[in-house]
Amino acid sequence: MRRGYLKAMEYALRICVLTHPIPNDLSDAWHQLLPNIVAKHRGDSSDLFAAAFEQSLMVLTEQIGAPDSPS
């Protein structure tokens, strides 16, 4: 059941990534928040949920991409 929630979250966030008006700002914010997201949920759930959550975050991180370096 939780896997379904993760997929729904992943699809919703994909829409946000695709439609964000300032992709570099989104990428900056995502890369700042990511360590806190992982740390917050590390001990909260089963190994299966943790693995699915980590996989979902990796996919989203790839889609968001790295922030552009300043010129």
PDB file of N, CA and C in Angstrom:
ATOM      1  N   MET A   1       0.818  -1.196   0.000  1.00  0.00           N
ATOM      2  CA  MET A   1       0.000   0.000   0.000  1.00  0.00           C
ATOM      3  C   MET A   1       0.867   1.267   0.000  1.00  0.00           C
ATOM      4  N   ARG A   2       1.904   1.273   0.832  1.00  0.00           N
ATOM      5  CA  ARG A   2       2.756   2.466   0.900  1.00  0.00           C
ATOM      6  C   ARG A   2       3.440   2.738  -0.430  1.00  0.00           C
ATOM      7  N   ARG A   3       3.748   1.693  -1.179  1.00  0.00           N
ATOM      8  CA  ARG A   3       4.398   1.880  -2.480  1.00  0.00           C
ATOM      9  C   ARG A   3       3.507   2.716  -3.393  1.00  0.00           C
ATOM     10  N   GLY A   4       2.200   2.521  -3.306  1.00  0.00           N
ATOM     11  CA  GLY A   4       1.266   3.321  -4.098  1.00  0.00           C
ATOM     12  C   GLY A   4       1.329   4.792  -3.729  1.00  0.00           C
ATOM     13  N   TYR A   5       1.451   5.072  -2.444  1.00  0.00           N
ATOM     14  CA  TYR A   5       1.575   6.462  -2.003  1.00  0.00           C
ATOM     15  C   TYR A   5       2.863   7.083  -2.540  1.00  0.00           C
ATOM     16  N   LEU A   6       3.937   6.313  -2.524  1.00  0.00           N
ATOM     17  CA  LEU A   6       5.209   6.825  -3.035  1.00  0.00           C
ATOM     18  C   LEU A   6       5.139   7.114  -4.526  1.00  0.00           C
ATOM     19  N   LYS A   7       4.494   6.240  -5.282  1.00  0.00           N
ATOM     20  CA  LYS A   7       4.366   6.473  -6.723  1.00  0.00           C
ATOM     21  C   LYS A   7       3.511   7.711  -6.981  1.00  0.00           C
ATOM     22  N   ALA A   8       2.449   7.883  -6.223  1.00  0.00           N
ATOM     23  CA  ALA A   8       1.609   9.073  -6.381  1.00  0.00           C
ATOM     24  C   ALA A   8       2.415  10.333  -6.086  1.00  0.00           C
ATOM     25  N   MET A   9       3.216  10.294  -5.017  1.00  0.00           N
ATOM     26  CA  MET A   9       4.066  11.434  -4.682  1.00  0.00           C
ATOM     27  C   MET A   9       5.067  11.697  -5.806  1.00  0.00           C
ATOM     28  N   GLU A  10       5.661  10.631  -6.322  1.00  0.00           N
ATOM     29  CA  GLU A  10       6.647  10.774  -7.389  1.00  0.00           C
ATOM     30  C   GLU A  10       6.027  11.424  -8.627  1.00  0.00           C
ATOM     31  N   TYR A  11       4.835  10.987  -9.022  1.00  0.00           N
ATOM     32  CA  TYR A  11       4.178  11.565 -10.197  1.00  0.00           C
ATOM     33  C   TYR A  11       3.799  13.028  -9.967  1.00  0.00           C
ATOM     34  N   ALA A  12       3.320  13.339  -8.782  1.00  0.00           N
ATOM     35  CA  ALA A  12       2.964  14.727  -8.478  1.00  0.00           C
ATOM     36  C   ALA A  12       4.201  15.628  -8.530  1.00  0.00           C
ATOM     37  N   LEU A  13       5.290  15.149  -7.989  1.00  0.00           N
ATOM     38  CA  LEU A  13       6.513  15.943  -8.017  1.00  0.00           C
ATOM     39  C   LEU A  13       7.090  16.061  -9.422  1.00  0.00           C
ATOM     40  N   ARG A  14       6.890  15.052 -10.250  1.00  0.00           N
ATOM     41  CA  ARG A  14       7.334  15.152 -11.648  1.00  0.00           C
ATOM     42  C   ARG A  14       6.625  16.307 -12.347  1.00  0.00           C
ATOM     43  N   ILE A  15       5.327  16.457 -12.072  1.00  0.00           N
ATOM     44  CA  ILE A  15       4.567  17.569 -12.656  1.00  0.00           C
ATOM     45  C   ILE A  15       5.173  18.897 -12.204  1.00  0.00           C
ATOM     46  N   CYS A  16       5.498  18.988 -10.920  1.00  0.00           N
ATOM     47  CA  CYS A  16       6.114  20.218 -10.397  1.00  0.00           C
ATOM     48  C   CYS A  16       7.446  20.502 -11.082  1.00  0.00           C
ATOM     49  N   VAL A  17       8.237  19.465 -11.291  1.00  0.00           N
ATOM     50  CA  VAL A  17       9.535  19.634 -11.951  1.00  0.00           C
ATOM     51  C   VAL A  17       9.341  20.123 -13.375  1.00  0.00           C
ATOM     52  N   LEU A  18       8.435  19.489 -14.097  1.00  0.00           N
ATOM     53  CA  LEU A  18       8.225  19.828 -15.507  1.00  0.00           C
ATOM     54  C   LEU A  18       7.655  21.224 -15.712  1.00  0.00           C
ATOM     55  N   THR A  19       6.898  21.718 -14.744  1.00  0.00           N
ATOM     56  CA  THR A  19       6.210  22.994 -14.927  1.00  0.00           C
ATOM     57  C   THR A  19       6.806  24.141 -14.112  1.00  0.00           C
ATOM     58  N   HIS A  20       7.862  23.880 -13.364  1.00  0.00           N
ATOM     59  CA  HIS A  20       8.428  24.926 -12.509  1.00  0.00           C
ATOM     60  C   HIS A  20       8.973  26.076 -13.361  1.00  0.00           C
ATOM     61  N   PRO A  21       8.605  27.327 -13.030  1.00  0.00           N
ATOM     62  CA  PRO A  21       9.032  28.462 -13.849  1.00  0.00           C
ATOM     63  C   PRO A  21      10.528  28.788 -13.738  1.00  0.00           C
ATOM     64  N   ILE A  22      11.156  28.387 -12.637  1.00  0.00           N
ATOM     65  CA  ILE A  22      12.586  28.675 -12.448  1.00  0.00           C
ATOM     66  C   ILE A  22      13.273  27.365 -12.030  1.00  0.00           C
ATOM     67  N   PRO A  23      13.576  26.500 -12.999  1.00  0.00           N
ATOM     68  CA  PRO A  23      14.123  25.181 -12.683  1.00  0.00           C
ATOM     69  C   PRO A  23      15.390  25.210 -11.832  1.00  0.00           C
ATOM     70  N   ASN A  24      16.244  26.194 -12.019  1.00  0.00           N
ATOM     71  CA  ASN A  24      17.474  26.237 -11.233  1.00  0.00           C
ATOM     72  C   ASN A  24      17.191  26.489  -9.750  1.00  0.00           C
ATOM     73  N   ASP A  25      16.200  27.328  -9.454  1.00  0.00           N
ATOM     74  CA  ASP A  25      15.818  27.558  -8.054  1.00  0.00           C
ATOM     75  C   ASP A  25      15.248  26.285  -7.434  1.00  0.00           C
ATOM     76  N   LEU A  26      14.448  25.557  -8.204  1.00  0.00           N
ATOM     77  CA  LEU A  26      13.902  24.283  -7.725  1.00  0.00           C
ATOM     78  C   LEU A  26      15.040  23.313  -7.416  1.00  0.00           C
ATOM     79  N   SER A  27      15.995  23.223  -8.304  1.00  0.00           N
ATOM     80  CA  SER A  27      17.129  22.325  -8.107  1.00  0.00           C
ATOM     81  C   SER A  27      17.936  22.712  -6.868  1.00  0.00           C
ATOM     82  N   ASP A  28      18.197  23.997  -6.699  1.00  0.00           N
ATOM     83  CA  ASP A  28      18.918  24.463  -5.503  1.00  0.00           C
ATOM     84  C   ASP A  28      18.176  24.065  -4.230  1.00  0.00           C
ATOM     85  N   ALA A  29      16.880  24.335  -4.188  1.00  0.00           N
ATOM     86  CA  ALA A  29      16.072  24.020  -3.006  1.00  0.00           C
ATOM     87  C   ALA A  29      16.047  22.515  -2.744  1.00  0.00           C
ATOM     88  N   TRP A  30      15.868  21.732  -3.795  1.00  0.00           N
ATOM     89  CA  TRP A  30      15.804  20.273  -3.651  1.00  0.00           C
ATOM     90  C   TRP A  30      17.108  19.729  -3.064  1.00  0.00           C
ATOM     91  N   HIS A  31      18.234  20.176  -3.589  1.00  0.00           N
ATOM     92  CA  HIS A  31      19.516  19.662  -3.113  1.00  0.00           C
ATOM     93  C   HIS A  31      19.830  20.117  -1.684  1.00  0.00           C
ATOM     94  N   GLN A  32      19.255  21.216  -1.238  1.00  0.00           N
ATOM     95  CA  GLN A  32      19.418  21.642   0.153  1.00  0.00           C
ATOM     96  C   GLN A  32      18.522  20.832   1.086  1.00  0.00           C
ATOM     97  N   LEU A  33      17.324  20.476   0.619  1.00  0.00           N
ATOM     98  CA  LEU A  33      16.370  19.742   1.454  1.00  0.00           C
ATOM     99  C   LEU A  33      16.623  18.241   1.502  1.00  0.00           C
ATOM    100  N   LEU A  34      17.201  17.683   0.467  1.00  0.00           N
ATOM    101  CA  LEU A  34      17.337  16.233   0.344  1.00  0.00           C
ATOM    102  C   LEU A  34      17.974  15.557   1.559  1.00  0.00           C
ATOM    103  N   PRO A  35      19.100  16.043   2.090  1.00  0.00           N
ATOM    104  CA  PRO A  35      19.677  15.374   3.265  1.00  0.00           C
ATOM    105  C   PRO A  35      18.723  15.355   4.462  1.00  0.00           C
ATOM    106  N   ASN A  36      17.955  16.419   4.657  1.00  0.00           N
ATOM    107  CA  ASN A  36      17.006  16.463   5.768  1.00  0.00           C
ATOM    108  C   ASN A  36      15.846  15.498   5.557  1.00  0.00           C
ATOM    109  N   ILE A  37      15.393  15.361   4.319  1.00  0.00           N
ATOM    110  CA  ILE A  37      14.299  14.433   4.014  1.00  0.00           C
ATOM    111  C   ILE A  37      14.728  13.011   4.354  1.00  0.00           C
ATOM    112  N   VAL A  38      15.909  12.634   3.911  1.00  0.00           N
ATOM    113  CA  VAL A  38      16.414  11.286   4.155  1.00  0.00           C
ATOM    114  C   VAL A  38      16.600  11.047   5.651  1.00  0.00           C
ATOM    115  N   ALA A  39      17.227  11.978   6.351  1.00  0.00           N
ATOM    116  CA  ALA A  39      17.484  11.821   7.784  1.00  0.00           C
ATOM    117  C   ALA A  39      16.189  11.723   8.582  1.00  0.00           C
ATOM    118  N   LYS A  40      15.202  12.521   8.212  1.00  0.00           N
ATOM    119  CA  LYS A  40      13.929  12.549   8.941  1.00  0.00           C
ATOM    120  C   LYS A  40      13.217  11.205   8.905  1.00  0.00           C
ATOM    121  N   HIS A  41      13.294  10.502   7.786  1.00  0.00           N
ATOM    122  CA  HIS A  41      12.515   9.276   7.614  1.00  0.00           C
ATOM    123  C   HIS A  41      13.346   8.000   7.703  1.00  0.00           C
ATOM    124  N   ARG A  42      14.598   8.126   8.045  1.00  0.00           N
ATOM    125  CA  ARG A  42      15.495   6.967   8.070  1.00  0.00           C
ATOM    126  C   ARG A  42      14.996   5.868   9.006  1.00  0.00           C
ATOM    127  N   GLY A  43      14.604   6.196  10.210  1.00  0.00           N
ATOM    128  CA  GLY A  43      14.213   5.173  11.179  1.00  0.00           C
ATOM    129  C   GLY A  43      12.724   4.995  11.365  1.00  0.00           C
ATOM    130  N   ASP A  44      11.919   5.647  10.541  1.00  0.00           N
ATOM    131  CA  ASP A  44      10.471   5.651  10.736  1.00  0.00           C
ATOM    132  C   ASP A  44       9.736   4.449  10.175  1.00  0.00           C
ATOM    133  N   SER A  45      10.392   3.617   9.381  1.00  0.00           N
ATOM    134  CA  SER A  45       9.610   2.645   8.629  1.00  0.00           C
ATOM    135  C   SER A  45      10.379   1.355   8.394  1.00  0.00           C
ATOM    136  N   SER A  46       9.702   0.444   7.707  1.00  0.00           N
ATOM    137  CA  SER A  46      10.292  -0.852   7.394  1.00  0.00           C
ATOM    138  C   SER A  46      11.410  -0.708   6.366  1.00  0.00           C
ATOM    139  N   ASP A  47      12.200  -1.753   6.245  1.00  0.00           N
ATOM    140  CA  ASP A  47      13.281  -1.753   5.255  1.00  0.00           C
ATOM    141  C   ASP A  47      12.734  -1.633   3.840  1.00  0.00           C
ATOM    142  N   LEU A  48      11.600  -2.276   3.573  1.00  0.00           N
ATOM    143  CA  LEU A  48      10.995  -2.221   2.244  1.00  0.00           C
ATOM    144  C   LEU A  48      10.560  -0.795   1.908  1.00  0.00           C
ATOM    145  N   PHE A  49       9.902  -0.136   2.859  1.00  0.00           N
ATOM    146  CA  PHE A  49       9.484   1.250   2.635  1.00  0.00           C
ATOM    147  C   PHE A  49      10.703   2.147   2.446  1.00  0.00           C
ATOM    148  N   ALA A  50      11.713   1.963   3.274  1.00  0.00           N
ATOM    149  CA  ALA A  50      12.921   2.789   3.175  1.00  0.00           C
ATOM    150  C   ALA A  50      13.580   2.624   1.809  1.00  0.00           C
ATOM    151  N   ALA A  51      13.632   1.392   1.305  1.00  0.00           N
ATOM    152  CA  ALA A  51      14.234   1.151  -0.011  1.00  0.00           C
ATOM    153  C   ALA A  51      13.410   1.808  -1.113  1.00  0.00           C
ATOM    154  N   ALA A  52      12.091   1.684  -1.042  1.00  0.00           N
ATOM    155  CA  ALA A  52      11.219   2.298  -2.051  1.00  0.00           C
ATOM    156  C   ALA A  52      11.310   3.820  -1.981  1.00  0.00           C
ATOM    157  N   PHE A  53      11.362   4.362  -0.776  1.00  0.00           N
ATOM    158  CA  PHE A  53      11.465   5.807  -0.592  1.00  0.00           C
ATOM    159  C   PHE A  53      12.787   6.322  -1.159  1.00  0.00           C
ATOM    160  N   GLU A  54      13.865   5.612  -0.870  1.00  0.00           N
ATOM    161  CA  GLU A  54      15.177   6.006  -1.385  1.00  0.00           C
ATOM    162  C   GLU A  54      15.196   5.954  -2.914  1.00  0.00           C
ATOM    163  N   GLN A  55      14.613   4.918  -3.485  1.00  0.00           N
ATOM    164  CA  GLN A  55      14.559   4.804  -4.944  1.00  0.00           C
ATOM    165  C   GLN A  55      13.766   5.962  -5.543  1.00  0.00           C
ATOM    166  N   SER A  56      12.647   6.293  -4.926  1.00  0.00           N
ATOM    167  CA  SER A  56      11.816   7.395  -5.403  1.00  0.00           C
ATOM    168  C   SER A  56      12.579   8.720  -5.344  1.00  0.00           C
ATOM    169  N   LEU A  57      13.297   8.957  -4.264  1.00  0.00           N
ATOM    170  CA  LEU A  57      14.086  10.187  -4.136  1.00  0.00           C
ATOM    171  C   LEU A  57      15.203  10.246  -5.176  1.00  0.00           C
ATOM    172  N   MET A  58      15.808   9.099  -5.476  1.00  0.00           N
ATOM    173  CA  MET A  58      16.870   9.079  -6.485  1.00  0.00           C
ATOM    174  C   MET A  58      16.316   9.427  -7.863  1.00  0.00           C
ATOM    175  N   VAL A  59      15.148   8.876  -8.201  1.00  0.00           N
ATOM    176  CA  VAL A  59      14.526   9.176  -9.493  1.00  0.00           C
ATOM    177  C   VAL A  59      14.207  10.663  -9.586  1.00  0.00           C
ATOM    178  N   LEU A  60      13.621  11.205  -8.530  1.00  0.00           N
ATOM    179  CA  LEU A  60      13.282  12.630  -8.528  1.00  0.00           C
ATOM    180  C   LEU A  60      14.527  13.504  -8.627  1.00  0.00           C
ATOM    181  N   THR A  61      15.580  13.122  -7.938  1.00  0.00           N
ATOM    182  CA  THR A  61      16.821  13.887  -7.982  1.00  0.00           C
ATOM    183  C   THR A  61      17.403  13.890  -9.394  1.00  0.00           C
ATOM    184  N   GLU A  62      17.346  12.752 -10.065  1.00  0.00           N
ATOM    185  CA  GLU A  62      17.817  12.693 -11.457  1.00  0.00           C
ATOM    186  C   GLU A  62      16.982  13.602 -12.353  1.00  0.00           C
ATOM    187  N   GLN A  63      15.670  13.621 -12.137  1.00  0.00           N
ATOM    188  CA  GLN A  63      14.789  14.431 -12.972  1.00  0.00           C
ATOM    189  C   GLN A  63      14.965  15.922 -12.702  1.00  0.00           C
ATOM    190  N   ILE A  64      15.180  16.276 -11.465  1.00  0.00           N
ATOM    191  CA  ILE A  64      15.373  17.685 -11.120  1.00  0.00           C
ATOM    192  C   ILE A  64      16.721  18.162 -11.643  1.00  0.00           C
ATOM    193  N   GLY A  65      17.714  17.310 -11.548  1.00  0.00           N
ATOM    194  CA  GLY A  65      19.034  17.654 -12.067  1.00  0.00           C
ATOM    195  C   GLY A  65      19.834  18.497 -11.100  1.00  0.00           C
ATOM    196  N   ALA A  66      21.057  18.744 -11.478  1.00  0.00           N
ATOM    197  CA  ALA A  66      21.956  19.558 -10.666  1.00  0.00           C
ATOM    198  C   ALA A  66      21.724  21.026 -10.971  1.00  0.00           C
ATOM    199  N   PRO A  67      21.855  21.871  -9.960  1.00  0.00           N
ATOM    200  CA  PRO A  67      21.720  23.304 -10.220  1.00  0.00           C
ATOM    201  C   PRO A  67      22.846  23.782 -11.125  1.00  0.00           C
ATOM    202  N   ASP A  68      22.533  24.781 -11.927  1.00  0.00           N
ATOM    203  CA  ASP A  68      23.566  25.378 -12.776  1.00  0.00           C
ATOM    204  C   ASP A  68      24.588  26.065 -11.892  1.00  0.00           C
ATOM    205  N   SER A  69      25.846  25.966 -12.283  1.00  0.00           N
ATOM    206  CA  SER A  69      26.869  26.676 -11.525  1.00  0.00           C
ATOM    207  C   SER A  69      26.832  28.151 -11.903  1.00  0.00           C
ATOM    208  N   PRO A  70      27.153  29.020 -10.945  1.00  0.00           N
ATOM    209  CA  PRO A  70      27.133  30.455 -11.245  1.00  0.00           C
ATOM    210  C   PRO A  70      28.155  30.800 -12.321  1.00  0.00           C
ATOM    211  N   SER A  71      27.824  31.779 -13.148  1.00  0.00           N
ATOM    212  CA  SER A  71      28.716  32.169 -14.247  1.00  0.00           C
ATOM    213  C   SER A  71      29.854  33.022 -13.754  1.00  0.00           C
TER     214      SER A  71
END
